[in-house]
PDB file of N, CA and C in Angstrom:
ATOM      1  N   MET A   1       0.704  -0.776   0.148  1.00  0.00           N
ATOM      2  CA  MET A   1       0.269  -0.166   0.114  1.00  0.00           C
ATOM      3  C   MET A   1       0.781   1.004   0.195  1.00  0.00           C
ATOM      4  N   ASP A   2       0.034   1.676  -0.570  1.00  0.00           N
ATOM      5  CA  ASP A   2       1.527   3.395  -0.768  1.00  0.00           C
ATOM      6  C   ASP A   2       1.033   3.796   0.715  1.00  0.00           C
ATOM      7  N   PRO A   3       2.879   4.831   1.072  1.00  0.00           N
ATOM      8  CA  PRO A   3       2.118   6.063   1.931  1.00  0.00           C
ATOM      9  C   PRO A   3       1.922   7.022   2.164  1.00  0.00           C
ATOM     10  N   ILE A   4       1.096   7.410   1.241  1.00  0.00           N
ATOM     11  CA  ILE A   4       0.336   8.450   0.852  1.00  0.00           C
ATOM     12  C   ILE A   4      -1.547   7.833   0.908  1.00  0.00           C
ATOM     13  N   LEU A   5      -1.340   7.355   0.552  1.00  0.00           N
ATOM     14  CA  LEU A   5      -3.195   6.712   0.085  1.00  0.00           C
ATOM     15  C   LEU A   5      -2.668   6.938   1.790  1.00  0.00           C
ATOM     16  N   ILE A   6      -2.713   6.467   2.613  1.00  0.00           N
ATOM     17  CA  ILE A   6      -3.051   6.992   4.417  1.00  0.00           C
ATOM     18  C   ILE A   6      -3.651   7.907   5.124  1.00  0.00           C
ATOM     19  N   PRO A   7      -2.693   9.171   4.453  1.00  0.00           N
ATOM     20  CA  PRO A   7      -3.261   9.978   4.919  1.00  0.00           C
ATOM     21  C   PRO A   7      -4.412  10.604   4.125  1.00  0.00           C
ATOM     22  N   ILE A   8      -4.850  10.099   2.654  1.00  0.00           N
ATOM     23  CA  ILE A   8      -6.243  10.797   2.250  1.00  0.00           C
ATOM     24  C   ILE A   8      -7.081  10.111   2.846  1.00  0.00           C
ATOM     25  N   LEU A   9      -6.849   8.516   3.438  1.00  0.00           N
ATOM     26  CA  LEU A   9      -8.418   7.230   4.054  1.00  0.00           C
ATOM     27  C   LEU A   9      -8.192   8.230   5.130  1.00  0.00           C
ATOM     28  N   ALA A  10      -7.073   8.719   5.418  1.00  0.00           N
ATOM     29  CA  ALA A  10      -7.241   9.150   7.262  1.00  0.00           C
ATOM     30  C   ALA A  10      -8.462  10.236   7.102  1.00  0.00           C
ATOM     31  N   LEU A  11      -8.722  11.363   6.097  1.00  0.00           N
ATOM     32  CA  LEU A  11      -9.264  12.399   5.658  1.00  0.00           C
ATOM     33  C   LEU A  11     -10.234  11.758   4.996  1.00  0.00           C
ATOM     34  N   CYS A  12     -11.519  10.222   4.256  1.00  0.00           N
ATOM     35  CA  CYS A  12     -11.776  10.861   3.541  1.00  0.00           C
ATOM     36  C   CYS A  12     -13.191  10.019   4.711  1.00  0.00           C
ATOM     37  N   ILE A  13     -12.115   9.120   5.521  1.00  0.00           N
ATOM     38  CA  ILE A  13     -13.586   8.750   6.847  1.00  0.00           C
ATOM     39  C   ILE A  13     -14.404   9.808   7.082  1.00  0.00           C
ATOM     40  N   PRO A  14     -13.968  11.682   7.633  1.00  0.00           N
ATOM     41  CA  PRO A  14     -14.838  12.324   8.267  1.00  0.00           C
ATOM     42  C   PRO A  14     -16.039  12.871   7.529  1.00  0.00           C
ATOM     43  N   ILE A  15     -14.975  12.705   6.222  1.00  0.00           N
ATOM     44  CA  ILE A  15     -16.136  13.386   5.258  1.00  0.00           C
ATOM     45  C   ILE A  15     -17.488  12.875   4.808  1.00  0.00           C
ATOM     46  N   VAL A  16     -17.117  11.524   4.108  1.00  0.00           N
ATOM     47  CA  VAL A  16     -17.918  10.165   4.587  1.00  0.00           C
ATOM     48  C   VAL A  16     -18.684   9.650   5.737  1.00  0.00           C
ATOM     49  N   ALA A  17     -17.753  10.094   6.631  1.00  0.00           N
ATOM     50  CA  ALA A  17     -19.141   9.838   8.126  1.00  0.00           C
ATOM     51  C   ALA A  17     -19.866  11.359   8.158  1.00  0.00           C
ATOM     52  N   ILE A  18     -19.193  13.018   7.739  1.00  0.00           N
ATOM     53  CA  ILE A  18     -20.832  13.277   7.556  1.00  0.00           C
ATOM     54  C   ILE A  18     -21.170  13.873   6.491  1.00  0.00           C
ATOM     55  N   TRP A  19     -20.637  13.391   5.527  1.00  0.00           N
ATOM     56  CA  TRP A  19     -22.175  13.034   4.350  1.00  0.00           C
ATOM     57  C   TRP A  19     -22.764  11.841   4.631  1.00  0.00           C
ATOM     58  N   ALA A  20     -22.850  11.376   5.125  1.00  0.00           N
ATOM     59  CA  ALA A  20     -23.795  10.106   5.910  1.00  0.00           C
ATOM     60  C   ALA A  20     -24.675  11.376   6.654  1.00  0.00           C
ATOM     61  N   LYS A  21     -23.663  11.622   7.536  1.00  0.00           N
ATOM     62  CA  LYS A  21     -24.705  12.142   9.065  1.00  0.00           C
ATOM     63  C   LYS A  21     -25.683  13.121   8.320  1.00  0.00           C
ATOM     64  N   HIS A  22     -25.450  14.111   7.509  1.00  0.00           N
ATOM     65  CA  HIS A  22     -25.652  14.855   6.018  1.00  0.00           C
ATOM     66  C   HIS A  22     -27.470  14.448   5.557  1.00  0.00           C
ATOM     67  N   LYS A  23     -27.155  13.360   5.293  1.00  0.00           N
ATOM     68  CA  LYS A  23     -28.231  12.143   4.226  1.00  0.00           C
ATOM     69  C   LYS A  23     -28.965  12.085   5.621  1.00  0.00           C
ATOM     70  N   GLN A  24     -28.663  11.034   6.999  1.00  0.00           N
ATOM     71  CA  GLN A  24     -29.482  11.167   7.822  1.00  0.00           C
ATOM     72  C   GLN A  24     -30.958  11.981   8.400  1.00  0.00           C
ATOM     73  N   LYS A  25     -29.915  13.167   7.512  1.00  0.00           N
ATOM     74  CA  LYS A  25     -30.975  14.085   8.767  1.00  0.00           C
ATOM     75  C   LYS A  25     -31.993  14.937   7.066  1.00  0.00           C
ATOM     76  N   ILE A  26     -31.415  14.706   6.764  1.00  0.00           N
ATOM     77  CA  ILE A  26     -32.184  14.664   5.843  1.00  0.00           C
ATOM     78  C   ILE A  26     -33.384  13.925   4.897  1.00  0.00           C
ATOM     79  N   ALA A  27     -33.754  12.524   5.321  1.00  0.00           N
ATOM     80  CA  ALA A  27     -34.167  11.492   4.941  1.00  0.00           C
ATOM     81  C   ALA A  27     -35.126  12.101   6.682  1.00  0.00           C
ATOM     82  N   GLN A  28     -34.775  12.110   7.624  1.00  0.00           N
ATOM     83  CA  GLN A  28     -35.025  12.733   8.344  1.00  0.00           C
ATOM     84  C   GLN A  28     -36.359  13.548   8.846  1.00  0.00           C
ATOM     85  N   ILE A  29     -35.613  15.105   8.019  1.00  0.00           N
ATOM     86  CA  ILE A  29     -36.627  16.332   7.925  1.00  0.00           C
ATOM     87  C   ILE A  29     -37.779  15.509   6.833  1.00  0.00           C
ATOM     88  N   GLU A  30     -37.236  14.319   6.177  1.00  0.00           N
ATOM     89  CA  GLU A  30     -38.461  14.075   4.821  1.00  0.00           C
ATOM     90  C   GLU A  30     -39.488  13.427   5.378  1.00  0.00           C
ATOM     91  N   ILE A  31     -39.541  12.028   7.038  1.00  0.00           N
ATOM     92  CA  ILE A  31     -40.661  11.952   6.788  1.00  0.00           C
ATOM     93  C   ILE A  31     -41.159  12.786   7.991  1.00  0.00           C
ATOM     94  N   GLU A  32     -40.627  13.589   8.863  1.00  0.00           N
ATOM     95  CA  GLU A  32     -41.360  14.821   9.693  1.00  0.00           C
ATOM     96  C   GLU A  32     -41.853  15.283   9.084  1.00  0.00           C
ATOM     97  N   ALA A  33     -41.761  15.895   7.109  1.00  0.00           N
ATOM     98  CA  ALA A  33     -42.568  16.561   6.638  1.00  0.00           C
ATOM     99  C   ALA A  33     -43.751  15.796   6.040  1.00  0.00           C
ATOM    100  N   THR A  34     -43.320  14.396   5.977  1.00  0.00           N
ATOM    101  CA  THR A  34     -45.322  14.269   5.295  1.00  0.00           C
ATOM    102  C   THR A  34     -45.266  13.268   6.533  1.00  0.00           C
ATOM    103  N   ALA A  35     -45.016  12.578   7.796  1.00  0.00           N
ATOM    104  CA  ALA A  35     -46.081  11.854   8.560  1.00  0.00           C
ATOM    105  C   ALA A  35     -47.013  14.026   8.925  1.00  0.00           C
ATOM    106  N   GLU A  36     -46.607  14.413   8.948  1.00  0.00           N
ATOM    107  CA  GLU A  36     -47.208  16.181   9.540  1.00  0.00           C
ATOM    108  C   GLU A  36     -48.272  16.584   7.960  1.00  0.00           C
ATOM    109  N   LYS A  37     -48.111  15.819   6.863  1.00  0.00           N
ATOM    110  CA  LYS A  37     -48.971  15.913   5.226  1.00  0.00           C
ATOM    111  C   LYS A  37     -50.088  15.198   5.801  1.00  0.00           C
ATOM    112  N   ALA A  38     -49.951  14.353   6.162  1.00  0.00           N
ATOM    113  CA  ALA A  38     -50.070  12.848   6.621  1.00  0.00           C
ATOM    114  C   ALA A  38     -51.550  13.048   7.519  1.00  0.00           C
ATOM    115  N   ALA A  39     -51.438  13.757   8.598  1.00  0.00           N
ATOM    116  CA  ALA A  39     -52.474  14.397   9.871  1.00  0.00           C
ATOM    117  C   ALA A  39     -53.315  15.367   8.840  1.00  0.00           C
ATOM    118  N   GLN A  40     -52.179  16.404   8.577  1.00  0.00           N
ATOM    119  CA  GLN A  40     -53.038  17.170   7.940  1.00  0.00           C
ATOM    120  C   GLN A  40     -54.298  16.807   6.586  1.00  0.00           C
ATOM    121  N   TYR A  41     -53.972  16.145   5.979  1.00  0.00           N
ATOM    122  CA  TYR A  41     -55.165  15.515   5.805  1.00  0.00           C
ATOM    123  C   TYR A  41     -55.937  14.710   6.165  1.00  0.00           C
ATOM    124  N   ALA A  42     -54.972  13.490   7.214  1.00  0.00           N
ATOM    125  CA  ALA A  42     -56.661  13.097   8.027  1.00  0.00           C
ATOM    126  C   ALA A  42     -57.366  13.981   8.526  1.00  0.00           C
ATOM    127  N   THR A  43     -56.873  15.293   8.898  1.00  0.00           N
ATOM    128  CA  THR A  43     -58.019  16.333   9.590  1.00  0.00           C
ATOM    129  C   THR A  43     -58.636  17.125   8.474  1.00  0.00           C
ATOM    130  N   ARG A  44     -58.694  17.070   7.897  1.00  0.00           N
ATOM    131  CA  ARG A  44     -59.097  17.838   6.549  1.00  0.00           C
ATOM    132  C   ARG A  44     -61.099  16.505   6.209  1.00  0.00           C
ATOM    133  N   ASN A  45     -59.806  15.594   6.570  1.00  0.00           N
ATOM    134  CA  ASN A  45     -60.905  14.376   5.877  1.00  0.00           C
ATOM    135  C   ASN A  45     -61.398  13.568   7.171  1.00  0.00           C
ATOM    136  N   THR A  46     -61.212  14.419   8.481  1.00  0.00           N
ATOM    137  CA  THR A  46     -62.534  14.254   9.410  1.00  0.00           C
ATOM    138  C   THR A  46     -63.854  15.397   9.484  1.00  0.00           C
ATOM    139  N   GLU A  47     -63.060  16.644   9.051  1.00  0.00           N
ATOM    140  CA  GLU A  47     -63.829  17.762   8.948  1.00  0.00           C
ATOM    141  C   GLU A  47     -64.598  17.871   7.063  1.00  0.00           C
ATOM    142  N   LEU A  48     -65.219  16.975   6.778  1.00  0.00           N
ATOM    143  CA  LEU A  48     -65.372  16.795   5.924  1.00  0.00           C
ATOM    144  C   LEU A  48     -66.531  15.963   5.671  1.00  0.00           C
ATOM    145  N   GLU A  49     -65.452  14.890   6.587  1.00  0.00           N
ATOM    146  CA  GLU A  49     -66.551  13.865   6.327  1.00  0.00           C
ATOM    147  C   GLU A  49     -68.044  14.504   7.519  1.00  0.00           C
ATOM    148  N   ASP A  50     -67.698  14.660   8.727  1.00  0.00           N
ATOM    149  CA  ASP A  50     -68.416  15.592   9.045  1.00  0.00           C
ATOM    150  C   ASP A  50     -69.661  16.641   8.220  1.00  0.00           C
ATOM    151  N   ARG A  51     -69.060  17.150   7.003  1.00  0.00           N
ATOM    152  CA  ARG A  51     -69.887  18.124   6.708  1.00  0.00           C
ATOM    153  C   ARG A  51     -71.177  17.432   6.206  1.00  0.00           C
ATOM    154  N   VAL A  52     -70.183  16.407   5.668  1.00  0.00           N
ATOM    155  CA  VAL A  52     -70.860  15.165   4.790  1.00  0.00           C
ATOM    156  C   VAL A  52     -72.422  14.849   6.017  1.00  0.00           C
ATOM    157  N   ARG A  53     -71.711  14.571   6.747  1.00  0.00           N
ATOM    158  CA  ARG A  53     -73.191  13.899   8.164  1.00  0.00           C
ATOM    159  C   ARG A  53     -74.724  15.117   7.734  1.00  0.00           C
ATOM    160  N   VAL A  54     -73.716  16.409   8.348  1.00  0.00           N
ATOM    161  CA  VAL A  54     -74.842  17.929   8.385  1.00  0.00           C
ATOM    162  C   VAL A  54     -75.725  17.293   7.491  1.00  0.00           C
ATOM    163  N   LEU A  55     -74.785  17.493   6.575  1.00  0.00           N
ATOM    164  CA  LEU A  55     -75.801  16.909   5.147  1.00  0.00           C
ATOM    165  C   LEU A  55     -76.896  16.424   5.032  1.00  0.00           C
ATOM    166  N   GLU A  56     -75.927  15.176   4.990  1.00  0.00           N
ATOM    167  CA  GLU A  56     -77.329  13.951   5.018  1.00  0.00           C
ATOM    168  C   GLU A  56     -78.390  14.356   6.362  1.00  0.00           C
ATOM    169  N   ARG A  57     -77.959  14.675   6.948  1.00  0.00           N
ATOM    170  CA  ARG A  57     -79.569  14.498   8.122  1.00  0.00           C
ATOM    171  C   ARG A  57     -80.103  15.713   7.425  1.00  0.00           C
ATOM    172  N   ILE A  58     -79.440  16.776   6.979  1.00  0.00           N
ATOM    173  CA  ILE A  58     -80.316  18.118   6.377  1.00  0.00           C
ATOM    174  C   ILE A  58     -80.744  17.564   5.540  1.00  0.00           C
ATOM    175  N   VAL A  59     -80.249  16.810   4.675  1.00  0.00           N
ATOM    176  CA  VAL A  59     -81.554  15.613   3.573  1.00  0.00           C
ATOM    177  C   VAL A  59     -83.081  15.058   3.226  1.00  0.00           C
ATOM    178  N   THR A  60     -82.176  14.185   5.035  1.00  0.00           N
ATOM    179  CA  THR A  60     -82.919  12.943   4.908  1.00  0.00           C
ATOM    180  C   THR A  60     -84.247  13.740   6.050  1.00  0.00           C
ATOM    181  N   ASP A  61     -83.703  15.232   7.049  1.00  0.00           N
ATOM    182  CA  ASP A  61     -85.306  15.301   7.289  1.00  0.00           C
ATOM    183  C   ASP A  61     -86.564  16.156   6.415  1.00  0.00           C
ATOM    184  N   LYS A  62     -87.506  16.657   7.638  1.00  0.00           N
ATOM    185  CA  LYS A  62     -88.950  16.312   7.028  1.00  0.00           C
ATOM    186  C   LYS A  62     -88.098  18.253   6.797  1.00  0.00           C
ATOM    187  N   GLY A  63     -87.756  18.679   7.558  1.00  0.00           N
ATOM    188  CA  GLY A  63     -87.482  20.317   7.679  1.00  0.00           C
ATOM    189  C   GLY A  63     -86.543  20.917   5.823  1.00  0.00           C
ATOM    190  N   TYR A  64     -86.752  20.019   5.347  1.00  0.00           N
ATOM    191  CA  TYR A  64     -85.758  19.554   4.266  1.00  0.00           C
ATOM    192  C   TYR A  64     -87.026  19.744   3.629  1.00  0.00           C
ATOM    193  N   ASP A  65     -87.915  19.076   3.888  1.00  0.00           N
ATOM    194  CA  ASP A  65     -88.733  18.713   2.685  1.00  0.00           C
ATOM    195  C   ASP A  65     -89.847  19.783   2.483  1.00  0.00           C
ATOM    196  N   VAL A  66     -90.075  20.388   3.928  1.00  0.00           N
ATOM    197  CA  VAL A  66     -90.969  22.009   4.037  1.00  0.00           C
ATOM    198  C   VAL A  66     -90.559  23.223   3.450  1.00  0.00           C
ATOM    199  N   ALA A  67     -88.753  22.716   3.236  1.00  0.00           N
ATOM    200  CA  ALA A  67     -89.347  24.056   3.238  1.00  0.00           C
ATOM    201  C   ALA A  67     -88.658  24.587   1.412  1.00  0.00           C
ATOM    202  N   THR A  68     -88.672  23.077   1.110  1.00  0.00           N
ATOM    203  CA  THR A  68     -89.103  22.564  -1.151  1.00  0.00           C
ATOM    204  C   THR A  68     -89.867  23.094  -1.891  1.00  0.00           C
ATOM    205  N   GLN A  69     -90.974  22.441  -0.826  1.00  0.00           N
ATOM    206  CA  GLN A  69     -91.837  22.542  -1.261  1.00  0.00           C
ATOM    207  C   GLN A  69     -92.599  24.707  -1.095  1.00  0.00           C
ATOM    208  N   ILE A  70     -92.256  25.479   0.070  1.00  0.00           N
ATOM    209  CA  ILE A  70     -92.080  26.254   0.525  1.00  0.00           C
ATOM    210  C   ILE A  70     -91.889  26.847  -1.168  1.00  0.00           C
ATOM    211  N   GLU A  71     -90.843  26.742  -1.459  1.00  0.00           N
ATOM    212  CA  GLU A  71     -89.334  27.178  -2.388  1.00  0.00           C
ATOM    213  C   GLU A  71     -90.768  27.070  -3.517  1.00  0.00           C
ATOM    214  N   ALA A  72     -91.403  25.544  -3.840  1.00  0.00           N
ATOM    215  CA  ALA A  72     -91.999  25.234  -5.126  1.00  0.00           C
ATOM    216  C   ALA A  72     -92.845  26.582  -5.167  1.00  0.00           C
ATOM    217  N   LEU A  73     -93.528  26.254  -4.263  1.00  0.00           N
ATOM    218  CA  LEU A  73     -95.263  26.918  -4.014  1.00  0.00           C
ATOM    219  C   LEU A  73     -94.730  28.842  -4.756  1.00  0.00           C
ATOM    220  N   ARG A  74     -94.275  29.268  -3.800  1.00  0.00           N
ATOM    221  CA  ARG A  74     -92.874  30.855  -4.660  1.00  0.00           C
ATOM    222  C   ARG A  74     -93.145  30.763  -6.686  1.00  0.00           C
ATOM    223  N   ASP A  75     -92.191  30.075  -5.993  1.00  0.00           N
ATOM    224  CA  ASP A  75     -92.208  29.998  -8.209  1.00  0.00           C
ATOM    225  C   ASP A  75     -93.144  29.304  -8.425  1.00  0.00           C
ATOM    226  N   ALA A  76     -94.041  28.775  -7.914  1.00  0.00           N
ATOM    227  CA  ALA A  76     -95.902  28.274  -8.696  1.00  0.00           C
ATOM    228  C   ALA A  76     -96.402  29.794  -8.252  1.00  0.00           C
ATOM    229  N   ARG A  77     -96.510  30.567  -8.175  1.00  0.00           N
ATOM    230  CA  ARG A  77     -97.070  31.712  -7.715  1.00  0.00           C
ATOM    231  C   ARG A  77     -96.334  33.066  -8.781  1.00  0.00           C
ATOM    232  N   LYS A  78     -95.144  33.110  -9.017  1.00  0.00           N
ATOM    233  CA  LYS A  78     -94.319  34.025  -9.547  1.00  0.00           C
ATOM    234  C   LYS A  78     -94.569  32.877 -10.832  1.00  0.00           C
ATOM    235  N   VAL A  79     -95.022  32.394 -11.464  1.00  0.00           N
ATOM    236  CA  VAL A  79     -95.145  31.782 -12.258  1.00  0.00           C
ATOM    237  C   VAL A  79     -96.982  32.472 -13.203  1.00  0.00           C
ATOM    238  N   ASP A  80     -97.441  32.568 -11.703  1.00  0.00           N
ATOM    239  CA  ASP A  80     -98.774  32.517 -11.857  1.00  0.00           C
ATOM    240  C   ASP A  80     -98.867  34.048 -11.829  1.00  0.00           C
ATOM    241  N   ALA A  81     -98.101  34.971 -11.896  1.00  0.00           N
ATOM    242  CA  ALA A  81     -97.973  36.152 -12.229  1.00  0.00           C
ATOM    243  C   ALA A  81     -98.161  36.609 -13.470  1.00  0.00           C
ATOM    244  N   LEU A  82     -97.146  36.197 -13.348  1.00  0.00           N
ATOM    245  CA  LEU A  82     -96.397  35.645 -14.779  1.00  0.00           C
ATOM    246  C   LEU A  82     -97.966  35.799 -16.359  1.00  0.00           C
ATOM    247  N   LEU A  83     -98.176  34.892 -16.436  1.00  0.00           N
ATOM    248  CA  LEU A  83     -99.791  34.503 -16.772  1.00  0.00           C
ATOM    249  C   LEU A  83    -100.836  35.123 -16.511  1.00  0.00           C
ATOM    250  N   GLU A  84    -100.600  36.112 -15.972  1.00  0.00           N
ATOM    251  CA  GLU A  84    -102.175  37.005 -15.626  1.00  0.00           C
ATOM    252  C   GLU A  84    -101.790  37.777 -16.301  1.00  0.00           C
ATOM    253  N   LYS A  85    -100.518  38.404 -15.865  1.00  0.00           N
ATOM    254  CA  LYS A  85     -99.647  39.414 -16.676  1.00  0.00           C
ATOM    255  C   LYS A  85     -99.255  40.007 -18.499  1.00  0.00           C
ATOM    256  N   HIS A  86     -99.166  38.442 -18.924  1.00  0.00           N
ATOM    257  CA  HIS A  86     -99.566  38.503 -19.875  1.00  0.00           C
ATOM    258  C   HIS A  86    -101.609  38.097 -20.457  1.00  0.00           C
ATOM    259  N   GLU A  87    -101.556  37.110 -19.626  1.00  0.00           N
ATOM    260  CA  GLU A  87    -102.558  37.256 -20.500  1.00  0.00           C
ATOM    261  C   GLU A  87    -103.518  39.029 -20.369  1.00  0.00           C
ATOM    262  N   GLY A  88    -103.102  39.520 -19.080  1.00  0.00           N
ATOM    263  CA  GLY A  88    -104.189  41.553 -19.410  1.00  0.00           C
ATOM    264  C   GLY A  88    -103.597  41.950 -19.962  1.00  0.00           C
ATOM    265  N   ASN A  89    -102.600  41.927 -21.432  1.00  0.00           N
ATOM    266  CA  ASN A  89    -102.696  42.970 -21.597  1.00  0.00           C
ATOM    267  C   ASN A  89    -102.287  42.040 -23.272  1.00  0.00           C
TER     268      ASN A  89
END
């Protein structure tokens, strides 16, 4: 083995160790970011599920039927008013 290689190897070992530690730190940061995004998606998903449950309750509730019927009556009155106006001319 060439005597000059010994100091070169001695200098390379800490450089490789620093590089490996840096790569490990980057991987850890990426894992934490991914975990945080997953938690945010889970929270958002829960919020959306809650909203869908509320909407399902509103639609299946009899109160929704009443509101729909009231709106239909309003629309019918508008049509009747337009017909009367048209017939009056």
